[in-house]
PDB file of N, CA and C in Angstrom:
ATOM      1  N   GLY A   1       5.811  -2.030 -14.430  1.00  0.00           N
ATOM      2  CA  GLY A   1       5.358  -0.809 -15.181  1.00  0.00           C
ATOM      3  C   GLY A   1       6.140   0.402 -14.707  1.00  0.00           C
ATOM      4  N   ASP A   2       6.549   1.149 -15.723  1.00  0.00           N
ATOM      5  CA  ASP A   2       7.308   2.300 -15.506  1.00  0.00           C
ATOM      6  C   ASP A   2       6.676   3.232 -14.640  1.00  0.00           C
ATOM      7  N   GLY A   3       5.334   3.580 -14.685  1.00  0.00           N
ATOM      8  CA  GLY A   3       4.826   4.719 -13.832  1.00  0.00           C
ATOM      9  C   GLY A   3       4.120   4.020 -12.728  1.00  0.00           C
ATOM     10  N   VAL A   4       4.252   2.815 -12.448  1.00  0.00           N
ATOM     11  CA  VAL A   4       3.607   2.232 -11.152  1.00  0.00           C
ATOM     12  C   VAL A   4       4.284   2.681 -10.001  1.00  0.00           C
ATOM     13  N   PRO A   5       3.706   3.276  -8.993  1.00  0.00           N
ATOM     14  CA  PRO A   5       4.351   3.719  -7.863  1.00  0.00           C
ATOM     15  C   PRO A   5       4.920   2.462  -7.077  1.00  0.00           C
ATOM     16  N   LEU A   6       5.942   2.633  -6.476  1.00  0.00           N
ATOM     17  CA  LEU A   6       6.573   1.546  -5.606  1.00  0.00           C
ATOM     18  C   LEU A   6       5.737   1.040  -4.630  1.00  0.00           C
ATOM     19  N   LEU A   7       4.806   1.937  -4.095  1.00  0.00           N
ATOM     20  CA  LEU A   7       3.899   1.411  -3.189  1.00  0.00           C
ATOM     21  C   LEU A   7       3.038   0.318  -3.752  1.00  0.00           C
ATOM     22  N   LEU A   8       2.722   0.226  -5.036  1.00  0.00           N
ATOM     23  CA  LEU A   8       2.082  -0.861  -5.599  1.00  0.00           C
ATOM     24  C   LEU A   8       2.963  -1.958  -6.159  1.00  0.00           C
ATOM     25  N   VAL A   9       4.215  -1.512  -6.614  1.00  0.00           N
ATOM     26  CA  VAL A   9       5.111  -2.622  -7.142  1.00  0.00           C
ATOM     27  C   VAL A   9       5.611  -3.596  -6.063  1.00  0.00           C
ATOM     28  N   GLU A  10       6.204  -2.888  -5.020  1.00  0.00           N
ATOM     29  CA  GLU A  10       6.704  -3.687  -4.024  1.00  0.00           C
ATOM     30  C   GLU A  10       5.577  -4.202  -3.148  1.00  0.00           C
ATOM     31  N   GLY A  11       4.599  -3.450  -2.907  1.00  0.00           N
ATOM     32  CA  GLY A  11       3.354  -4.004  -2.033  1.00  0.00           C
ATOM     33  C   GLY A  11       2.694  -5.208  -2.784  1.00  0.00           C
ATOM     34  N   PHE A  12       2.399  -5.083  -4.091  1.00  0.00           N
ATOM     35  CA  PHE A  12       1.912  -6.262  -4.773  1.00  0.00           C
ATOM     36  C   PHE A  12       2.861  -7.471  -4.642  1.00  0.00           C
ATOM     37  N   ALA A  13       4.071  -7.259  -4.859  1.00  0.00           N
ATOM     38  CA  ALA A  13       5.004  -8.443  -4.855  1.00  0.00           C
ATOM     39  C   ALA A  13       5.001  -9.107  -3.365  1.00  0.00           C
ATOM     40  N   ASP A  14       4.972  -8.329  -2.282  1.00  0.00           N
ATOM     41  CA  ASP A  14       4.999  -8.825  -1.068  1.00  0.00           C
ATOM     42  C   ASP A  14       3.570  -9.439  -0.740  1.00  0.00           C
ATOM     43  N   TRP A  15       2.541  -8.839  -1.151  1.00  0.00           N
ATOM     44  CA  TRP A  15       1.137  -9.431  -0.919  1.00  0.00           C
ATOM     45  C   TRP A  15       1.093 -10.674  -1.587  1.00  0.00           C
ATOM     46  N   ALA A  16       1.567 -10.911  -2.757  1.00  0.00           N
ATOM     47  CA  ALA A  16       1.428 -12.156  -3.488  1.00  0.00           C
ATOM     48  C   ALA A  16       2.296 -13.325  -2.850  1.00  0.00           C
ATOM     49  N   ALA A  17       3.374 -12.832  -2.321  1.00  0.00           N
ATOM     50  CA  ALA A  17       4.303 -13.804  -1.780  1.00  0.00           C
ATOM     51  C   ALA A  17       3.915 -14.276  -0.380  1.00  0.00           C
ATOM     52  N   LEU A  18       3.346 -13.249   0.386  1.00  0.00           N
ATOM     53  CA  LEU A  18       2.862 -13.723   1.775  1.00  0.00           C
ATOM     54  C   LEU A  18       1.482 -14.129   1.771  1.00  0.00           C
ATOM     55  N   LYS A  19       0.742 -14.039   0.750  1.00  0.00           N
ATOM     56  CA  LYS A  19      -0.712 -14.429   0.899  1.00  0.00           C
ATOM     57  C   LYS A  19      -0.917 -15.999   1.176  1.00  0.00           C
ATOM     58  N   PRO A  20      -0.143 -16.910   0.492  1.00  0.00           N
ATOM     59  CA  PRO A  20      -0.324 -18.203   0.742  1.00  0.00           C
ATOM     60  C   PRO A  20       0.284 -18.856   2.262  1.00  0.00           C
ATOM     61  N   LEU A  21       1.067 -17.906   2.879  1.00  0.00           N
ATOM     62  CA  LEU A  21       1.516 -18.384   4.081  1.00  0.00           C
ATOM     63  C   LEU A  21       0.680 -18.434   5.309  1.00  0.00           C
ATOM     64  N   GLY A  22      -0.330 -17.575   5.117  1.00  0.00           N
ATOM     65  CA  GLY A  22      -1.378 -17.539   6.295  1.00  0.00           C
ATOM     66  C   GLY A  22      -0.966 -17.045   7.555  1.00  0.00           C
ATOM     67  N   TYR A  23       0.268 -16.323   7.622  1.00  0.00           N
ATOM     68  CA  TYR A  23       0.730 -15.908   8.921  1.00  0.00           C
ATOM     69  C   TYR A  23       0.094 -14.629   9.378  1.00  0.00           C
ATOM     70  N   PRO A  24      -0.053 -14.326  10.717  1.00  0.00           N
ATOM     71  CA  PRO A  24      -0.748 -13.075  11.214  1.00  0.00           C
ATOM     72  C   PRO A  24      -0.047 -11.737  10.649  1.00  0.00           C
ATOM     73  N   PHE A  25      -0.754 -10.784  10.425  1.00  0.00           N
ATOM     74  CA  PHE A  25      -0.374  -9.487   9.892  1.00  0.00           C
ATOM     75  C   PHE A  25       0.880  -8.960  10.660  1.00  0.00           C
ATOM     76  N   ALA A  26       0.927  -9.006  11.837  1.00  0.00           N
ATOM     77  CA  ALA A  26       2.033  -8.350  12.613  1.00  0.00           C
ATOM     78  C   ALA A  26       3.447  -9.190  12.342  1.00  0.00           C
ATOM     79  N   VAL A  27       3.169 -10.474  12.079  1.00  0.00           N
ATOM     80  CA  VAL A  27       4.341 -11.309  11.732  1.00  0.00           C
ATOM     81  C   VAL A  27       4.900 -11.043  10.502  1.00  0.00           C
ATOM     82  N   THR A  28       3.976 -10.844   9.429  1.00  0.00           N
ATOM     83  CA  THR A  28       4.511 -10.700   8.009  1.00  0.00           C
ATOM     84  C   THR A  28       4.881  -9.303   7.770  1.00  0.00           C
ATOM     85  N   ARG A  29       4.461  -8.252   8.611  1.00  0.00           N
ATOM     86  CA  ARG A  29       4.820  -6.966   8.428  1.00  0.00           C
ATOM     87  C   ARG A  29       5.409  -6.381   9.826  1.00  0.00           C
ATOM     88  N   PRO A  30       6.522  -6.910  10.208  1.00  0.00           N
ATOM     89  CA  PRO A  30       7.068  -6.508  11.523  1.00  0.00           C
ATOM     90  C   PRO A  30       7.397  -5.116  11.797  1.00  0.00           C
ATOM     91  N   ASN A  31       8.064  -4.529  10.663  1.00  0.00           N
ATOM     92  CA  ASN A  31       8.462  -3.109  10.696  1.00  0.00           C
ATOM     93  C   ASN A  31       7.324  -2.226  10.946  1.00  0.00           C
ATOM     94  N   LEU A  32       6.188  -2.370  10.175  1.00  0.00           N
ATOM     95  CA  LEU A  32       5.150  -1.596  10.402  1.00  0.00           C
ATOM     96  C   LEU A  32       4.423  -1.780  11.693  1.00  0.00           C
ATOM     97  N   ALA A  33       4.422  -3.027  12.073  1.00  0.00           N
ATOM     98  CA  ALA A  33       3.860  -3.372  13.487  1.00  0.00           C
ATOM     99  C   ALA A  33       4.636  -2.499  14.677  1.00  0.00           C
ATOM    100  N   ARG A  34       5.987  -2.542  14.356  1.00  0.00           N
ATOM    101  CA  ARG A  34       6.819  -1.869  15.370  1.00  0.00           C
ATOM    102  C   ARG A  34       6.620  -0.293  15.378  1.00  0.00           C
ATOM    103  N   ALA A  35       6.400   0.185  14.178  1.00  0.00           N
ATOM    104  CA  ALA A  35       6.136   1.641  13.848  1.00  0.00           C
ATOM    105  C   ALA A  35       4.851   1.999  14.590  1.00  0.00           C
ATOM    106  N   VAL A  36       3.856   1.248  14.470  1.00  0.00           N
ATOM    107  CA  VAL A  36       2.566   1.496  14.996  1.00  0.00           C
ATOM    108  C   VAL A  36       2.747   1.545  16.510  1.00  0.00           C
ATOM    109  N   HIS A  37       3.318   0.447  17.091  1.00  0.00           N
ATOM    110  CA  HIS A  37       3.421   0.387  18.531  1.00  0.00           C
ATOM    111  C   HIS A  37       4.369   1.459  19.171  1.00  0.00           C
ATOM    112  N   GLU A  38       5.234   2.063  18.378  1.00  0.00           N
ATOM    113  CA  GLU A  38       6.051   3.006  18.836  1.00  0.00           C
ATOM    114  C   GLU A  38       5.673   4.416  18.535  1.00  0.00           C
ATOM    115  N   GLY A  39       4.352   4.470  17.888  1.00  0.00           N
ATOM    116  CA  GLY A  39       3.826   5.785  17.687  1.00  0.00           C
ATOM    117  C   GLY A  39       4.399   6.539  16.459  1.00  0.00           C
ATOM    118  N   ARG A  40       5.130   5.766  15.595  1.00  0.00           N
ATOM    119  CA  ARG A  40       5.782   6.414  14.423  1.00  0.00           C
ATOM    120  C   ARG A  40       4.982   6.250  13.174  1.00  0.00           C
ATOM    121  N   PHE A  41       3.885   5.524  13.251  1.00  0.00           N
ATOM    122  CA  PHE A  41       2.993   5.340  12.022  1.00  0.00           C
ATOM    123  C   PHE A  41       2.148   6.622  11.872  1.00  0.00           C
ATOM    124  N   ASP A  42       2.321   7.293  10.781  1.00  0.00           N
ATOM    125  CA  ASP A  42       1.740   8.497  10.480  1.00  0.00           C
ATOM    126  C   ASP A  42       0.446   8.414   9.632  1.00  0.00           C
ATOM    127  N   GLY A  43       0.189   7.112   9.160  1.00  0.00           N
ATOM    128  CA  GLY A  43      -1.011   6.931   8.481  1.00  0.00           C
ATOM    129  C   GLY A  43      -1.008   7.308   6.969  1.00  0.00           C
ATOM    130  N   ALA A  44       0.170   7.802   6.502  1.00  0.00           N
ATOM    131  CA  ALA A  44       0.395   8.239   5.130  1.00  0.00           C
ATOM    132  C   ALA A  44       0.985   7.048   4.308  1.00  0.00           C
ATOM    133  N   LEU A  45       0.410   7.001   3.144  1.00  0.00           N
ATOM    134  CA  LEU A  45       0.915   5.860   2.221  1.00  0.00           C
ATOM    135  C   LEU A  45       2.344   6.335   1.794  1.00  0.00           C
ATOM    136  N   PRO A  46       3.158   5.395   1.645  1.00  0.00           N
ATOM    137  CA  PRO A  46       4.698   5.779   1.323  1.00  0.00           C
ATOM    138  C   PRO A  46       4.764   6.121  -0.157  1.00  0.00           C
ATOM    139  N   ARG A  47       5.591   7.179  -0.431  1.00  0.00           N
ATOM    140  CA  ARG A  47       5.952   7.723  -1.595  1.00  0.00           C
ATOM    141  C   ARG A  47       7.335   7.071  -2.013  1.00  0.00           C
ATOM    142  N   ASP A  48       7.521   7.071  -3.443  1.00  0.00           N
ATOM    143  CA  ASP A  48       8.638   6.294  -3.863  1.00  0.00           C
ATOM    144  C   ASP A  48      10.111   6.664  -3.168  1.00  0.00           C
ATOM    145  N   PRO A  49      10.436   7.845  -2.836  1.00  0.00           N
ATOM    146  CA  PRO A  49      11.579   8.128  -2.136  1.00  0.00           C
ATOM    147  C   PRO A  49      11.769   7.400  -0.789  1.00  0.00           C
ATOM    148  N   GLU A  50      10.661   7.196  -0.096  1.00  0.00           N
ATOM    149  CA  GLU A  50      10.661   6.381   1.214  1.00  0.00           C
ATOM    150  C   GLU A  50      11.107   5.007   1.030  1.00  0.00           C
ATOM    151  N   PHE A  51      11.112   4.433  -0.198  1.00  0.00           N
ATOM    152  CA  PHE A  51      11.580   3.053  -0.348  1.00  0.00           C
ATOM    153  C   PHE A  51      13.170   3.031  -0.509  1.00  0.00           C
ATOM    154  N   ARG A  52      13.749   4.265  -0.404  1.00  0.00           N
ATOM    155  CA  ARG A  52      15.161   4.258  -0.454  1.00  0.00           C
ATOM    156  C   ARG A  52      15.811   5.026   0.705  1.00  0.00           C
ATOM    157  N   ASP A  53      15.036   5.410   1.659  1.00  0.00           N
ATOM    158  CA  ASP A  53      15.643   6.022   2.748  1.00  0.00           C
ATOM    159  C   ASP A  53      15.784   5.181   4.047  1.00  0.00           C
ATOM    160  N   GLN A  54      16.118   5.690   5.205  1.00  0.00           N
ATOM    161  CA  GLN A  54      16.366   4.896   6.401  1.00  0.00           C
ATOM    162  C   GLN A  54      15.394   4.097   6.867  1.00  0.00           C
ATOM    163  N   ASP A  55      14.008   4.383   6.558  1.00  0.00           N
ATOM    164  CA  ASP A  55      12.954   3.677   6.980  1.00  0.00           C
ATOM    165  C   ASP A  55      12.271   2.900   5.854  1.00  0.00           C
ATOM    166  N   ALA A  56      13.164   2.447   4.937  1.00  0.00           N
ATOM    167  CA  ALA A  56      12.725   1.748   3.821  1.00  0.00           C
ATOM    168  C   ALA A  56      11.869   0.536   4.140  1.00  0.00           C
ATOM    169  N   ALA A  57      12.304  -0.121   5.263  1.00  0.00           N
ATOM    170  CA  ALA A  57      11.652  -1.449   5.625  1.00  0.00           C
ATOM    171  C   ALA A  57      10.268  -1.125   6.165  1.00  0.00           C
ATOM    172  N   VAL A  58       9.947  -0.032   6.581  1.00  0.00           N
ATOM    173  CA  VAL A  58       8.601   0.396   7.056  1.00  0.00           C
ATOM    174  C   VAL A  58       7.796   0.704   5.734  1.00  0.00           C
ATOM    175  N   ALA A  59       8.409   1.392   4.819  1.00  0.00           N
ATOM    176  CA  ALA A  59       7.709   1.674   3.477  1.00  0.00           C
ATOM    177  C   ALA A  59       7.374   0.296   2.794  1.00  0.00           C
ATOM    178  N   TYR A  60       8.320  -0.595   2.711  1.00  0.00           N
ATOM    179  CA  TYR A  60       7.850  -1.961   2.112  1.00  0.00           C
ATOM    180  C   TYR A  60       6.591  -2.563   2.810  1.00  0.00           C
ATOM    181  N   ASP A  61       6.731  -2.535   4.208  1.00  0.00           N
ATOM    182  CA  ASP A  61       5.654  -3.078   4.908  1.00  0.00           C
ATOM    183  C   ASP A  61       4.382  -2.381   4.720  1.00  0.00           C
ATOM    184  N   GLU A  62       4.374  -1.040   4.550  1.00  0.00           N
ATOM    185  CA  GLU A  62       3.152  -0.257   4.390  1.00  0.00           C
ATOM    186  C   GLU A  62       2.579  -0.563   2.901  1.00  0.00           C
ATOM    187  N   GLY A  63       3.440  -0.655   1.998  1.00  0.00           N
ATOM    188  CA  GLY A  63       2.971  -0.985   0.684  1.00  0.00           C
ATOM    189  C   GLY A  63       2.509  -2.409   0.640  1.00  0.00           C
ATOM    190  N   SER A  64       2.991  -3.333   1.351  1.00  0.00           N
ATOM    191  CA  SER A  64       2.374  -4.746   1.412  1.00  0.00           C
ATOM    192  C   SER A  64       0.970  -4.641   2.153  1.00  0.00           C
ATOM    193  N   ALA A  65       1.071  -3.835   3.212  1.00  0.00           N
ATOM    194  CA  ALA A  65      -0.225  -3.721   3.945  1.00  0.00           C
ATOM    195  C   ALA A  65      -1.410  -3.011   3.237  1.00  0.00           C
ATOM    196  N   PHE A  66      -1.033  -2.115   2.377  1.00  0.00           N
ATOM    197  CA  PHE A  66      -1.948  -1.347   1.473  1.00  0.00           C
ATOM    198  C   PHE A  66      -2.509  -2.306   0.459  1.00  0.00           C
ATOM    199  N   CYS A  67      -1.694  -3.146  -0.153  1.00  0.00           N
ATOM    200  CA  CYS A  67      -2.094  -4.038  -1.229  1.00  0.00           C
ATOM    201  C   CYS A  67      -2.995  -5.131  -0.524  1.00  0.00           C
ATOM    202  N   LEU A  68      -2.736  -5.577   0.710  1.00  0.00           N
ATOM    203  CA  LEU A  68      -3.618  -6.472   1.429  1.00  0.00           C
ATOM    204  C   LEU A  68      -4.869  -5.827   1.786  1.00  0.00           C
ATOM    205  N   TRP A  69      -4.890  -4.607   2.163  1.00  0.00           N
ATOM    206  CA  TRP A  69      -6.100  -3.918   2.407  1.00  0.00           C
ATOM    207  C   TRP A  69      -7.011  -3.763   1.206  1.00  0.00           C
ATOM    208  N   VAL A  70      -6.346  -3.352   0.183  1.00  0.00           N
ATOM    209  CA  VAL A  70      -7.211  -3.338  -1.175  1.00  0.00           C
ATOM    210  C   VAL A  70      -7.823  -4.767  -1.446  1.00  0.00           C
ATOM    211  N   ALA A  71      -7.045  -5.837  -1.425  1.00  0.00           N
ATOM    212  CA  ALA A  71      -7.457  -7.096  -1.789  1.00  0.00           C
ATOM    213  C   ALA A  71      -8.538  -7.675  -0.806  1.00  0.00           C
ATOM    214  N   GLU A  72      -8.457  -7.381   0.449  1.00  0.00           N
ATOM    215  CA  GLU A  72      -9.517  -7.637   1.367  1.00  0.00           C
ATOM    216  C   GLU A  72     -10.711  -6.996   1.243  1.00  0.00           C
ATOM    217  N   THR A  73     -10.635  -5.684   0.950  1.00  0.00           N
ATOM    218  CA  THR A  73     -11.798  -4.789   1.013  1.00  0.00           C
ATOM    219  C   THR A  73     -12.526  -4.620  -0.273  1.00  0.00           C
ATOM    220  N   ALA A  74     -11.714  -4.634  -1.424  1.00  0.00           N
ATOM    221  CA  ALA A  74     -12.346  -4.437  -2.753  1.00  0.00           C
ATOM    222  C   ALA A  74     -12.077  -5.597  -3.636  1.00  0.00           C
ATOM    223  N   GLY A  75     -11.241  -6.538  -3.237  1.00  0.00           N
ATOM    224  CA  GLY A  75     -11.064  -7.729  -3.977  1.00  0.00           C
ATOM    225  C   GLY A  75      -9.782  -7.772  -4.807  1.00  0.00           C
ATOM    226  N   PRO A  76      -9.024  -8.802  -5.099  1.00  0.00           N
ATOM    227  CA  PRO A  76      -7.862  -9.035  -5.827  1.00  0.00           C
ATOM    228  C   PRO A  76      -7.890  -8.358  -7.229  1.00  0.00           C
ATOM    229  N   ALA A  77      -9.116  -8.468  -7.943  1.00  0.00           N
ATOM    230  CA  ALA A  77      -9.315  -7.890  -9.200  1.00  0.00           C
ATOM    231  C   ALA A  77      -9.033  -6.431  -9.174  1.00  0.00           C
ATOM    232  N   LYS A  78      -9.597  -5.735  -8.184  1.00  0.00           N
ATOM    233  CA  LYS A  78      -9.394  -4.226  -7.970  1.00  0.00           C
ATOM    234  C   LYS A  78      -7.877  -3.874  -7.683  1.00  0.00           C
ATOM    235  N   LEU A  79      -7.256  -4.740  -6.994  1.00  0.00           N
ATOM    236  CA  LEU A  79      -5.779  -4.527  -6.822  1.00  0.00           C
ATOM    237  C   LEU A  79      -5.072  -4.564  -8.124  1.00  0.00           C
ATOM    238  N   GLN A  80      -5.332  -5.653  -8.803  1.00  0.00           N
ATOM    239  CA  GLN A  80      -4.718  -5.727 -10.105  1.00  0.00           C
ATOM    240  C   GLN A  80      -5.016  -4.591 -11.107  1.00  0.00           C
ATOM    241  N   ALA A  81      -6.317  -4.096 -11.044  1.00  0.00           N
ATOM    242  CA  ALA A  81      -6.765  -2.910 -11.865  1.00  0.00           C
ATOM    243  C   ALA A  81      -6.066  -1.760 -11.382  1.00  0.00           C
ATOM    244  N   LEU A  82      -5.912  -1.503 -10.069  1.00  0.00           N
ATOM    245  CA  LEU A  82      -5.161  -0.409  -9.499  1.00  0.00           C
ATOM    246  C   LEU A  82      -3.643  -0.330 -10.061  1.00  0.00           C
ATOM    247  N   TYR A  83      -3.066  -1.526  -9.996  1.00  0.00           N
ATOM    248  CA  TYR A  83      -1.570  -1.674 -10.503  1.00  0.00           C
ATOM    249  C   TYR A  83      -1.638  -1.134 -11.984  1.00  0.00           C
ATOM    250  N   ARG A  84      -2.601  -1.767 -12.728  1.00  0.00           N
ATOM    251  CA  ARG A  84      -2.602  -1.591 -14.146  1.00  0.00           C
ATOM    252  C   ARG A  84      -2.974  -0.073 -14.632  1.00  0.00           C
ATOM    253  N   GLN A  85      -3.557   0.605 -13.649  1.00  0.00           N
ATOM    254  CA  GLN A  85      -4.095   2.036 -13.768  1.00  0.00           C
ATOM    255  C   GLN A  85      -2.824   2.857 -14.184  1.00  0.00           C
ATOM    256  N   PHE A  86      -1.663   2.627 -13.633  1.00  0.00           N
ATOM    257  CA  PHE A  86      -0.563   3.332 -13.649  1.00  0.00           C
ATOM    258  C   PHE A  86       0.717   2.840 -14.595  1.00  0.00           C
ATOM    259  N   ALA A  87       0.405   1.673 -15.051  1.00  0.00           N
ATOM    260  CA  ALA A  87       1.531   0.920 -15.803  1.00  0.00           C
ATOM    261  C   ALA A  87       1.649   1.668 -17.178  1.00  0.00           C
ATOM    262  N   GLY A  88       2.807   1.665 -17.701  1.00  0.00           N
ATOM    263  CA  GLY A  88       3.140   2.296 -19.071  1.00  0.00           C
ATOM    264  C   GLY A  88       3.110   3.830 -19.067  1.00  0.00           C
ATOM    265  N   SER A  89       3.026   4.476 -17.865  1.00  0.00           N
ATOM    266  CA  SER A  89       2.957   5.967 -17.831  1.00  0.00           C
ATOM    267  C   SER A  89       4.117   6.495 -17.130  1.00  0.00           C
ATOM    268  N   ASP A  90       4.269   7.917 -17.087  1.00  0.00           N
ATOM    269  CA  ASP A  90       5.292   8.439 -16.217  1.00  0.00           C
ATOM    270  C   ASP A  90       4.871   8.331 -14.734  1.00  0.00           C
ATOM    271  N   PRO A  91       5.795   8.386 -13.796  1.00  0.00           N
ATOM    272  CA  PRO A  91       5.542   8.341 -12.573  1.00  0.00           C
ATOM    273  C   PRO A  91       4.373   9.341 -12.134  1.00  0.00           C
ATOM    274  N   PRO A  92       3.283   8.963 -11.535  1.00  0.00           N
ATOM    275  CA  PRO A  92       2.165   9.682 -11.293  1.00  0.00           C
ATOM    276  C   PRO A  92       2.348  10.899 -10.388  1.00  0.00           C
ATOM    277  N   THR A  93       1.787  12.089 -10.682  1.00  0.00           N
ATOM    278  CA  THR A  93       1.709  13.109  -9.723  1.00  0.00           C
ATOM    279  C   THR A  93       0.612  12.748  -8.602  1.00  0.00           C
ATOM    280  N   SER A  94       0.585  13.600  -7.603  1.00  0.00           N
ATOM    281  CA  SER A  94      -0.490  13.340  -6.528  1.00  0.00           C
ATOM    282  C   SER A  94      -1.756  13.430  -7.233  1.00  0.00           C
ATOM    283  N   ALA A  95      -2.114  14.297  -8.077  1.00  0.00           N
ATOM    284  CA  ALA A  95      -3.426  14.570  -8.746  1.00  0.00           C
ATOM    285  C   ALA A  95      -3.773  13.246  -9.710  1.00  0.00           C
ATOM    286  N   GLN A  96      -2.725  12.812 -10.232  1.00  0.00           N
ATOM    287  CA  GLN A  96      -2.824  11.585 -11.113  1.00  0.00           C
ATOM    288  C   GLN A  96      -3.198  10.277 -10.238  1.00  0.00           C
ATOM    289  N   LEU A  97      -2.501  10.182  -9.173  1.00  0.00           N
ATOM    290  CA  LEU A  97      -2.765   9.017  -8.185  1.00  0.00           C
ATOM    291  C   LEU A  97      -4.196   9.177  -7.709  1.00  0.00           C
ATOM    292  N   ASP A  98      -4.703  10.477  -7.421  1.00  0.00           N
ATOM    293  CA  ASP A  98      -5.932  10.520  -6.957  1.00  0.00           C
ATOM    294  C   ASP A  98      -6.972  10.112  -7.944  1.00  0.00           C
ATOM    295  N   ARG A  99      -6.694  10.541  -9.151  1.00  0.00           N
ATOM    296  CA  ARG A  99      -7.662  10.177 -10.258  1.00  0.00           C
ATOM    297  C   ARG A  99      -7.717   8.639 -10.413  1.00  0.00           C
ATOM    298  N   GLY A 100      -6.546   8.074 -10.433  1.00  0.00           N
ATOM    299  CA  GLY A 100      -6.415   6.739 -10.532  1.00  0.00           C
ATOM    300  C   GLY A 100      -7.144   5.908  -9.527  1.00  0.00           C
ATOM    301  N   PHE A 101      -7.045   6.308  -8.127  1.00  0.00           N
ATOM    302  CA  PHE A 101      -7.714   5.791  -7.027  1.00  0.00           C
ATOM    303  C   PHE A 101      -9.258   6.015  -7.178  1.00  0.00           C
ATOM    304  N   ARG A 102      -9.659   7.063  -7.668  1.00  0.00           N
ATOM    305  CA  ARG A 102     -11.116   7.280  -7.879  1.00  0.00           C
ATOM    306  C   ARG A 102     -11.661   6.479  -8.949  1.00  0.00           C
ATOM    307  N   ARG A 103     -10.899   6.274 -10.011  1.00  0.00           N
ATOM    308  CA  ARG A 103     -11.369   5.362 -11.181  1.00  0.00           C
ATOM    309  C   ARG A 103     -11.512   3.961 -10.672  1.00  0.00           C
ATOM    310  N   VAL A 104     -10.603   3.402  -9.941  1.00  0.00           N
ATOM    311  CA  VAL A 104     -10.443   1.951  -9.586  1.00  0.00           C
ATOM    312  C   VAL A 104     -11.223   1.614  -8.328  1.00  0.00           C
ATOM    313  N   LEU A 105     -10.855   2.419  -7.200  1.00  0.00           N
ATOM    314  CA  LEU A 105     -11.492   2.100  -5.864  1.00  0.00           C
ATOM    315  C   LEU A 105     -12.755   2.853  -5.584  1.00  0.00           C
ATOM    316  N   HIS A 106     -12.903   3.944  -6.478  1.00  0.00           N
ATOM    317  CA  HIS A 106     -14.136   4.877  -6.136  1.00  0.00           C
ATOM    318  C   HIS A 106     -13.978   5.595  -4.941  1.00  0.00           C
ATOM    319  N   LEU A 107     -12.696   5.791  -4.537  1.00  0.00           N
ATOM    320  CA  LEU A 107     -12.266   6.647  -3.364  1.00  0.00           C
ATOM    321  C   LEU A 107     -11.286   7.545  -3.681  1.00  0.00           C
ATOM    322  N   SER A 108     -11.255   8.726  -3.146  1.00  0.00           N
ATOM    323  CA  SER A 108     -10.160   9.630  -3.350  1.00  0.00           C
ATOM    324  C   SER A 108      -8.883   9.089  -2.694  1.00  0.00           C
ATOM    325  N   LEU A 109      -7.610   9.522  -2.978  1.00  0.00           N
ATOM    326  CA  LEU A 109      -6.503   9.052  -2.440  1.00  0.00           C
ATOM    327  C   LEU A 109      -6.508   9.248  -0.939  1.00  0.00           C
ATOM    328  N   LYS A 110      -7.013  10.449  -0.534  1.00  0.00           N
ATOM    329  CA  LYS A 110      -7.029  10.667   0.816  1.00  0.00           C
ATOM    330  C   LYS A 110      -8.003   9.889   1.550  1.00  0.00           C
ATOM    331  N   LYS A 111      -9.052   9.674   1.102  1.00  0.00           N
ATOM    332  CA  LYS A 111      -9.987   8.723   1.749  1.00  0.00           C
ATOM    333  C   LYS A 111      -9.587   7.328   1.755  1.00  0.00           C
ATOM    334  N   ALA A 112      -8.906   6.762   0.652  1.00  0.00           N
ATOM    335  CA  ALA A 112      -8.379   5.499   0.632  1.00  0.00           C
ATOM    336  C   ALA A 112      -7.187   5.541   1.705  1.00  0.00           C
ATOM    337  N   GLN A 113      -6.377   6.396   1.840  1.00  0.00           N
ATOM    338  CA  GLN A 113      -5.333   6.333   2.882  1.00  0.00           C
ATOM    339  C   GLN A 113      -5.913   6.407   4.196  1.00  0.00           C
ATOM    340  N   GLY A 114      -6.810   7.194   4.515  1.00  0.00           N
ATOM    341  CA  GLY A 114      -7.472   7.174   5.840  1.00  0.00           C
ATOM    342  C   GLY A 114      -8.072   5.879   6.266  1.00  0.00           C
ATOM    343  N   ARG A 115      -8.802   5.320   5.291  1.00  0.00           N
ATOM    344  CA  ARG A 115      -9.332   3.978   5.613  1.00  0.00           C
ATOM    345  C   ARG A 115      -8.371   2.880   5.623  1.00  0.00           C
ATOM    346  N   TRP A 116      -7.346   2.934   4.885  1.00  0.00           N
ATOM    347  CA  TRP A 116      -6.188   1.951   5.171  1.00  0.00           C
ATOM    348  C   TRP A 116      -5.507   2.163   6.504  1.00  0.00           C
ATOM    349  N   ALA A 117      -5.246   3.358   6.876  1.00  0.00           N
ATOM    350  CA  ALA A 117      -4.583   3.742   8.175  1.00  0.00           C
ATOM    351  C   ALA A 117      -5.370   3.162   9.209  1.00  0.00           C
ATOM    352  N   ALA A 118      -6.700   3.413   9.238  1.00  0.00           N
ATOM    353  CA  ALA A 118      -7.505   2.870  10.381  1.00  0.00           C
ATOM    354  C   ALA A 118      -7.411   1.358  10.445  1.00  0.00           C
ATOM    355  N   TRP A 119      -7.515   0.795   9.166  1.00  0.00           N
ATOM    356  CA  TRP A 119      -7.425  -0.776   9.152  1.00  0.00           C
ATOM    357  C   TRP A 119      -6.196  -1.112   9.667  1.00  0.00           C
ATOM    358  N   VAL A 120      -4.959  -0.727   9.419  1.00  0.00           N
ATOM    359  CA  VAL A 120      -3.776  -1.077   9.880  1.00  0.00           C
ATOM    360  C   VAL A 120      -3.864  -0.874  11.411  1.00  0.00           C
ATOM    361  N   ARG A 121      -4.285   0.069  11.859  1.00  0.00           N
ATOM    362  CA  ARG A 121      -4.281   0.264  13.413  1.00  0.00           C
ATOM    363  C   ARG A 121      -5.209  -0.787  13.914  1.00  0.00           C
ATOM    364  N   SER A 122      -6.202  -1.150  13.446  1.00  0.00           N
ATOM    365  CA  SER A 122      -7.216  -2.173  13.971  1.00  0.00           C
ATOM    366  C   SER A 122      -6.556  -3.521  13.964  1.00  0.00           C
ATOM    367  N   LYS A 123      -5.671  -3.708  12.899  1.00  0.00           N
ATOM    368  CA  LYS A 123      -4.954  -5.056  12.809  1.00  0.00           C
ATOM    369  C   LYS A 123      -3.883  -5.141  13.931  1.00  0.00           C
ATOM    370  N   LEU A 124      -3.356  -4.101  14.437  1.00  0.00           N
ATOM    371  CA  LEU A 124      -2.292  -4.015  15.340  1.00  0.00           C
ATOM    372  C   LEU A 124      -2.640  -3.599  16.602  1.00  0.00           C
TER     373      LEU A 124
END
């Protein structure tokens, strides 16, 4: 989808590919695990430009971890619905992301981000 944030595009692809493997979280998302252990994890969901900068590997792992969190806490159908929420539109603004998260997950972007970050830290 044109307007789907890379967080969901890349995260969904990784989630789908890694799900059947059954490996531990830290093994399938090593760059995120390293960032958490080194104190570089800020708990913020990655924005599209982060998928093209020097820490792109961390952004990919964060996107994958976010999709795993959604699937585990809200179910795979909600993950698919969140992806579709942004398909076929322009890249969403922060306000549009927030509205989409509220519609699908019934959480603000900020609250979803905070819960996801706590979940990541608990996994690692």
